[in-house]
């Protein structure tokens, strides 16, 4: 692994913070365990799960304060 995803995540979080965002919310498919693990590694927590016509989606959030 080269850490490109982590570098992009840090850049986006820094940009959002500079724009006075209080938090970042994102969504991924519940079957994408690799993505959920990646986001959790970066401090995101699951706050909601939704059923849709294709399955379940997971919403994650990270406070920038």
PDB file of N, CA and C in Angstrom:
ATOM      1  N   UNK A   1       0.837  -1.191   0.000  1.00  0.00           N
ATOM      2  CA  UNK A   1       0.000   0.000   0.000  1.00  0.00           C
ATOM      3  C   UNK A   1       0.873   1.244   0.000  1.00  0.00           C
ATOM      4  N   UNK A   2       0.439   2.248  -0.754  1.00  0.00           N
ATOM      5  CA  UNK A   2       1.249   3.462  -0.886  1.00  0.00           C
ATOM      6  C   UNK A   2       0.741   4.616  -0.030  1.00  0.00           C
ATOM      7  N   UNK A   3      -0.449   4.483   0.572  1.00  0.00           N
ATOM      8  CA  UNK A   3      -0.962   5.548   1.407  1.00  0.00           C
ATOM      9  C   UNK A   3      -1.601   6.691   0.648  1.00  0.00           C
ATOM     10  N   UNK A   4      -1.913   6.468  -0.622  1.00  0.00           N
ATOM     11  CA  UNK A   4      -2.524   7.534  -1.429  1.00  0.00           C
ATOM     12  C   UNK A   4      -3.905   7.891  -0.890  1.00  0.00           C
ATOM     13  N   UNK A   5      -4.706   6.873  -0.549  1.00  0.00           N
ATOM     14  CA  UNK A   5      -6.044   7.127  -0.005  1.00  0.00           C
ATOM     15  C   UNK A   5      -5.980   7.929   1.279  1.00  0.00           C
ATOM     16  N   UNK A   6      -5.048   7.587   2.149  1.00  0.00           N
ATOM     17  CA  UNK A   6      -4.890   8.322   3.411  1.00  0.00           C
ATOM     18  C   UNK A   6      -4.446   9.754   3.161  1.00  0.00           C
ATOM     19  N   UNK A   7      -3.570   9.951   2.198  1.00  0.00           N
ATOM     20  CA  UNK A   7      -3.129  11.312   1.853  1.00  0.00           C
ATOM     21  C   UNK A   7      -4.289  12.145   1.327  1.00  0.00           C
ATOM     22  N   UNK A   8      -5.108  11.560   0.483  1.00  0.00           N
ATOM     23  CA  UNK A   8      -6.275  12.268  -0.053  1.00  0.00           C
ATOM     24  C   UNK A   8      -7.251  12.590   1.071  1.00  0.00           C
ATOM     25  N   UNK A   9      -7.478  11.640   1.970  1.00  0.00           N
ATOM     26  CA  UNK A   9      -8.399  11.858   3.088  1.00  0.00           C
ATOM     27  C   UNK A   9      -7.906  13.010   3.958  1.00  0.00           C
ATOM     28  N   UNK A  10      -6.615  13.026   4.294  1.00  0.00           N
ATOM     29  CA  UNK A  10      -6.066  14.124   5.118  1.00  0.00           C
ATOM     30  C   UNK A  10      -6.223  15.469   4.417  1.00  0.00           C
ATOM     31  N   UNK A  11      -5.967  15.506   3.110  1.00  0.00           N
ATOM     32  CA  UNK A  11      -6.112  16.744   2.347  1.00  0.00           C
ATOM     33  C   UNK A  11      -7.555  17.240   2.395  1.00  0.00           C
ATOM     34  N   UNK A  12      -8.511  16.346   2.148  1.00  0.00           N
ATOM     35  CA  UNK A  12      -9.923  16.744   2.138  1.00  0.00           C
ATOM     36  C   UNK A  12     -10.390  17.205   3.517  1.00  0.00           C
ATOM     37  N   UNK A  13      -9.948  16.528   4.561  1.00  0.00           N
ATOM     38  CA  UNK A  13     -10.322  16.939   5.916  1.00  0.00           C
ATOM     39  C   UNK A  13      -9.737  18.310   6.253  1.00  0.00           C
ATOM     40  N   UNK A  14      -8.495  18.536   5.862  1.00  0.00           N
ATOM     41  CA  UNK A  14      -7.857  19.839   6.105  1.00  0.00           C
ATOM     42  C   UNK A  14      -8.601  20.946   5.360  1.00  0.00           C
ATOM     43  N   UNK A  15      -8.977  20.681   4.116  1.00  0.00           N
ATOM     44  CA  UNK A  15      -9.716  21.660   3.314  1.00  0.00           C
ATOM     45  C   UNK A  15     -11.076  21.951   3.945  1.00  0.00           C
ATOM     46  N   UNK A  16     -11.791  20.912   4.345  1.00  0.00           N
ATOM     47  CA  UNK A  16     -13.103  21.094   4.971  1.00  0.00           C
ATOM     48  C   UNK A  16     -12.976  21.906   6.258  1.00  0.00           C
ATOM     49  N   UNK A  17     -11.954  21.629   7.040  1.00  0.00           N
ATOM     50  CA  UNK A  17     -11.736  22.370   8.285  1.00  0.00           C
ATOM     51  C   UNK A  17     -11.442  23.839   7.999  1.00  0.00           C
ATOM     52  N   UNK A  18     -10.664  24.117   6.947  1.00  0.00           N
ATOM     53  CA  UNK A  18     -10.343  25.504   6.592  1.00  0.00           C
ATOM     54  C   UNK A  18     -11.581  26.265   6.126  1.00  0.00           C
ATOM     55  N   UNK A  19     -12.588  25.538   5.671  1.00  0.00           N
ATOM     56  CA  UNK A  19     -13.854  26.143   5.248  1.00  0.00           C
ATOM     57  C   UNK A  19     -14.876  26.156   6.381  1.00  0.00           C
ATOM     58  N   UNK A  20     -14.411  25.874   7.598  1.00  0.00           N
ATOM     59  CA  UNK A  20     -15.225  25.893   8.817  1.00  0.00           C
ATOM     60  C   UNK A  20     -16.321  24.834   8.857  1.00  0.00           C
ATOM     61  N   UNK A  21     -16.108  23.717   8.181  1.00  0.00           N
ATOM     62  CA  UNK A  21     -17.032  22.595   8.323  1.00  0.00           C
ATOM     63  C   UNK A  21     -16.898  22.057   9.741  1.00  0.00           C
ATOM     64  N   UNK A  22     -18.008  21.681  10.348  1.00  0.00           N
ATOM     65  CA  UNK A  22     -17.976  21.102  11.688  1.00  0.00           C
ATOM     66  C   UNK A  22     -17.710  19.606  11.655  1.00  0.00           C
ATOM     67  N   UNK A  23     -18.128  18.964  10.566  1.00  0.00           N
ATOM     68  CA  UNK A  23     -17.938  17.521  10.442  1.00  0.00           C
ATOM     69  C   UNK A  23     -17.988  17.124   8.970  1.00  0.00           C
ATOM     70  N   UNK A  24     -17.595  15.886   8.729  1.00  0.00           N
ATOM     71  CA  UNK A  24     -17.712  15.297   7.396  1.00  0.00           C
ATOM     72  C   UNK A  24     -18.566  14.047   7.536  1.00  0.00           C
ATOM     73  N   UNK A  25     -19.533  13.901   6.654  1.00  0.00           N
ATOM     74  CA  UNK A  25     -20.349  12.698   6.592  1.00  0.00           C
ATOM     75  C   UNK A  25     -20.136  12.049   5.235  1.00  0.00           C
ATOM     76  N   UNK A  26     -20.112  10.730   5.237  1.00  0.00           N
ATOM     77  CA  UNK A  26     -19.967  10.011   3.976  1.00  0.00           C
ATOM     78  C   UNK A  26     -20.778   8.731   4.024  1.00  0.00           C
ATOM     79  N   UNK A  27     -20.957   8.150   2.856  1.00  0.00           N
ATOM     80  CA  UNK A  27     -21.793   6.963   2.712  1.00  0.00           C
ATOM     81  C   UNK A  27     -21.047   5.911   1.904  1.00  0.00           C
ATOM     82  N   UNK A  28     -21.241   4.659   2.275  1.00  0.00           N
ATOM     83  CA  UNK A  28     -20.667   3.557   1.514  1.00  0.00           C
ATOM     84  C   UNK A  28     -21.592   2.352   1.605  1.00  0.00           C
ATOM     85  N   UNK A  29     -21.388   1.406   0.739  1.00  0.00           N
ATOM     86  CA  UNK A  29     -22.159   0.169   0.748  1.00  0.00           C
ATOM     87  C   UNK A  29     -21.766  -0.659   1.964  1.00  0.00           C
ATOM     88  N   UNK A  30     -22.734  -1.270   2.613  1.00  0.00           N
ATOM     89  CA  UNK A  30     -22.435  -2.052   3.816  1.00  0.00           C
ATOM     90  C   UNK A  30     -21.560  -3.263   3.519  1.00  0.00           C
ATOM     91  N   UNK A  31     -21.541  -3.730   2.279  1.00  0.00           N
ATOM     92  CA  UNK A  31     -20.690  -4.862   1.901  1.00  0.00           C
ATOM     93  C   UNK A  31     -19.234  -4.453   1.682  1.00  0.00           C
ATOM     94  N   UNK A  32     -18.967  -3.167   1.601  1.00  0.00           N
ATOM     95  CA  UNK A  32     -17.603  -2.674   1.352  1.00  0.00           C
ATOM     96  C   UNK A  32     -16.849  -2.582   2.677  1.00  0.00           C
ATOM     97  N   UNK A  33     -16.570  -3.741   3.257  1.00  0.00           N
ATOM     98  CA  UNK A  33     -15.901  -3.787   4.568  1.00  0.00           C
ATOM     99  C   UNK A  33     -14.548  -3.088   4.531  1.00  0.00           C
ATOM    100  N   UNK A  34     -13.838  -3.194   3.419  1.00  0.00           N
ATOM    101  CA  UNK A  34     -12.535  -2.532   3.282  1.00  0.00           C
ATOM    102  C   UNK A  34     -12.693  -1.020   3.419  1.00  0.00           C
ATOM    103  N   UNK A  35     -13.778  -0.459   2.836  1.00  0.00           N
ATOM    104  CA  UNK A  35     -14.005   0.988   2.910  1.00  0.00           C
ATOM    105  C   UNK A  35     -14.376   1.399   4.332  1.00  0.00           C
ATOM    106  N   UNK A  36     -15.263   0.640   4.954  1.00  0.00           N
ATOM    107  CA  UNK A  36     -15.663   0.944   6.331  1.00  0.00           C
ATOM    108  C   UNK A  36     -14.444   0.903   7.248  1.00  0.00           C
ATOM    109  N   UNK A  37     -13.597  -0.103   7.084  1.00  0.00           N
ATOM    110  CA  UNK A  37     -12.378  -0.195   7.899  1.00  0.00           C
ATOM    111  C   UNK A  37     -11.444   0.987   7.643  1.00  0.00           C
ATOM    112  N   UNK A  38     -11.322   1.398   6.391  1.00  0.00           N
ATOM    113  CA  UNK A  38     -10.485   2.551   6.036  1.00  0.00           C
ATOM    114  C   UNK A  38     -10.990   3.810   6.740  1.00  0.00           C
ATOM    115  N   UNK A  39     -12.294   4.070   6.637  1.00  0.00           N
ATOM    116  CA  UNK A  39     -12.853   5.273   7.256  1.00  0.00           C
ATOM    117  C   UNK A  39     -12.728   5.222   8.776  1.00  0.00           C
ATOM    118  N   UNK A  40     -12.979   4.072   9.372  1.00  0.00           N
ATOM    119  CA  UNK A  40     -12.838   3.947  10.828  1.00  0.00           C
ATOM    120  C   UNK A  40     -11.395   4.206  11.255  1.00  0.00           C
ATOM    121  N   UNK A  41     -10.452   3.729  10.460  1.00  0.00           N
ATOM    122  CA  UNK A  41      -9.030   3.960  10.756  1.00  0.00           C
ATOM    123  C   UNK A  41      -8.723   5.457  10.801  1.00  0.00           C
ATOM    124  N   UNK A  42      -9.490   6.237  10.054  1.00  0.00           N
ATOM    125  CA  UNK A  42      -9.286   7.684   9.994  1.00  0.00           C
ATOM    126  C   UNK A  42     -10.217   8.454  10.929  1.00  0.00           C
ATOM    127  N   UNK A  43     -10.853   7.747  11.859  1.00  0.00           N
ATOM    128  CA  UNK A  43     -11.618   8.417  12.900  1.00  0.00           C
ATOM    129  C   UNK A  43     -13.099   8.586  12.638  1.00  0.00           C
ATOM    130  N   UNK A  44     -13.626   7.961  11.604  1.00  0.00           N
ATOM    131  CA  UNK A  44     -15.051   8.054  11.294  1.00  0.00           C
ATOM    132  C   UNK A  44     -15.822   7.002  12.077  1.00  0.00           C
ATOM    133  N   UNK A  45     -17.054   7.351  12.459  1.00  0.00           N
ATOM    134  CA  UNK A  45     -17.931   6.440  13.190  1.00  0.00           C
ATOM    135  C   UNK A  45     -19.237   6.268  12.433  1.00  0.00           C
ATOM    136  N   UNK A  46     -19.769   5.056  12.471  1.00  0.00           N
ATOM    137  CA  UNK A  46     -21.073   4.790  11.845  1.00  0.00           C
ATOM    138  C   UNK A  46     -22.158   5.449  12.681  1.00  0.00           C
ATOM    139  N   UNK A  47     -23.044   6.201  12.024  1.00  0.00           N
ATOM    140  CA  UNK A  47     -24.154   6.807  12.750  1.00  0.00           C
ATOM    141  C   UNK A  47     -25.512   6.426  12.172  1.00  0.00           C
ATOM    142  N   UNK A  48     -25.527   5.740  11.023  1.00  0.00           N
ATOM    143  CA  UNK A  48     -26.815   5.376  10.431  1.00  0.00           C
ATOM    144  C   UNK A  48     -26.612   4.276   9.398  1.00  0.00           C
ATOM    145  N   UNK A  49     -27.629   3.406   9.279  1.00  0.00           N
ATOM    146  CA  UNK A  49     -27.658   2.389   8.225  1.00  0.00           C
ATOM    147  C   UNK A  49     -29.007   2.502   7.531  1.00  0.00           C
ATOM    148  N   UNK A  50     -28.992   2.517   6.206  1.00  0.00           N
ATOM    149  CA  UNK A  50     -30.216   2.656   5.415  1.00  0.00           C
ATOM    150  C   UNK A  50     -30.378   1.478   4.475  1.00  0.00           C
ATOM    151  N   UNK A  51     -31.619   1.035   4.312  1.00  0.00           N
ATOM    152  CA  UNK A  51     -31.922   0.027   3.296  1.00  0.00           C
ATOM    153  C   UNK A  51     -32.358   0.763   2.042  1.00  0.00           C
ATOM    154  N   UNK A  52     -31.863   0.303   0.908  1.00  0.00           N
ATOM    155  CA  UNK A  52     -32.281   0.858  -0.377  1.00  0.00           C
ATOM    156  C   UNK A  52     -32.560  -0.314  -1.316  1.00  0.00           C
ATOM    157  N   UNK A  53     -32.991  -0.060  -2.539  1.00  0.00           N
ATOM    158  CA  UNK A  53     -33.342  -1.169  -3.444  1.00  0.00           C
ATOM    159  C   UNK A  53     -32.197  -2.146  -3.721  1.00  0.00           C
ATOM    160  N   UNK A  54     -30.957  -1.739  -3.512  1.00  0.00           N
ATOM    161  CA  UNK A  54     -29.804  -2.585  -3.830  1.00  0.00           C
ATOM    162  C   UNK A  54     -29.177  -3.227  -2.606  1.00  0.00           C
ATOM    163  N   UNK A  55     -29.662  -2.913  -1.427  1.00  0.00           N
ATOM    164  CA  UNK A  55     -29.078  -3.464  -0.202  1.00  0.00           C
ATOM    165  C   UNK A  55     -29.049  -2.424   0.900  1.00  0.00           C
ATOM    166  N   UNK A  56     -27.955  -2.395   1.623  1.00  0.00           N
ATOM    167  CA  UNK A  56     -27.816  -1.463   2.739  1.00  0.00           C
ATOM    168  C   UNK A  56     -26.642  -0.524   2.511  1.00  0.00           C
ATOM    169  N   UNK A  57     -26.830   0.702   2.964  1.00  0.00           N
ATOM    170  CA  UNK A  57     -25.760   1.694   2.949  1.00  0.00           C
ATOM    171  C   UNK A  57     -25.448   2.074   4.386  1.00  0.00           C
ATOM    172  N   UNK A  58     -24.207   2.414   4.619  1.00  0.00           N
ATOM    173  CA  UNK A  58     -23.733   2.817   5.934  1.00  0.00           C
ATOM    174  C   UNK A  58     -23.281   4.268   5.839  1.00  0.00           C
ATOM    175  N   UNK A  59     -23.724   5.085   6.792  1.00  0.00           N
ATOM    176  CA  UNK A  59     -23.307   6.480   6.879  1.00  0.00           C
ATOM    177  C   UNK A  59     -22.307   6.610   8.016  1.00  0.00           C
ATOM    178  N   UNK A  60     -21.211   7.314   7.745  1.00  0.00           N
ATOM    179  CA  UNK A  60     -20.173   7.545   8.749  1.00  0.00           C
ATOM    180  C   UNK A  60     -19.942   9.045   8.894  1.00  0.00           C
ATOM    181  N   UNK A  61     -19.442   9.438  10.063  1.00  0.00           N
ATOM    182  CA  UNK A  61     -19.206  10.858  10.329  1.00  0.00           C
ATOM    183  C   UNK A  61     -17.941  11.023  11.162  1.00  0.00           C
ATOM    184  N   UNK A  62     -17.284  12.168  10.934  1.00  0.00           N
ATOM    185  CA  UNK A  62     -16.122  12.551  11.740  1.00  0.00           C
ATOM    186  C   UNK A  62     -16.240  14.027  12.084  1.00  0.00           C
ATOM    187  N   UNK A  63     -16.096  14.339  13.360  1.00  0.00           N
ATOM    188  CA  UNK A  63     -16.097  15.730  13.800  1.00  0.00           C
ATOM    189  C   UNK A  63     -14.762  16.368  13.443  1.00  0.00           C
ATOM    190  N   UNK A  64     -14.812  17.612  13.002  1.00  0.00           N
ATOM    191  CA  UNK A  64     -13.593  18.355  12.676  1.00  0.00           C
ATOM    192  C   UNK A  64     -13.269  19.388  13.748  1.00  0.00           C
ATOM    193  N   UNK A  65     -13.992  19.379  14.836  1.00  0.00           N
ATOM    194  CA  UNK A  65     -13.767  20.340  15.929  1.00  0.00           C
ATOM    195  C   UNK A  65     -12.774  19.814  16.923  1.00  0.00           C
TER     196      UNK A  65
END
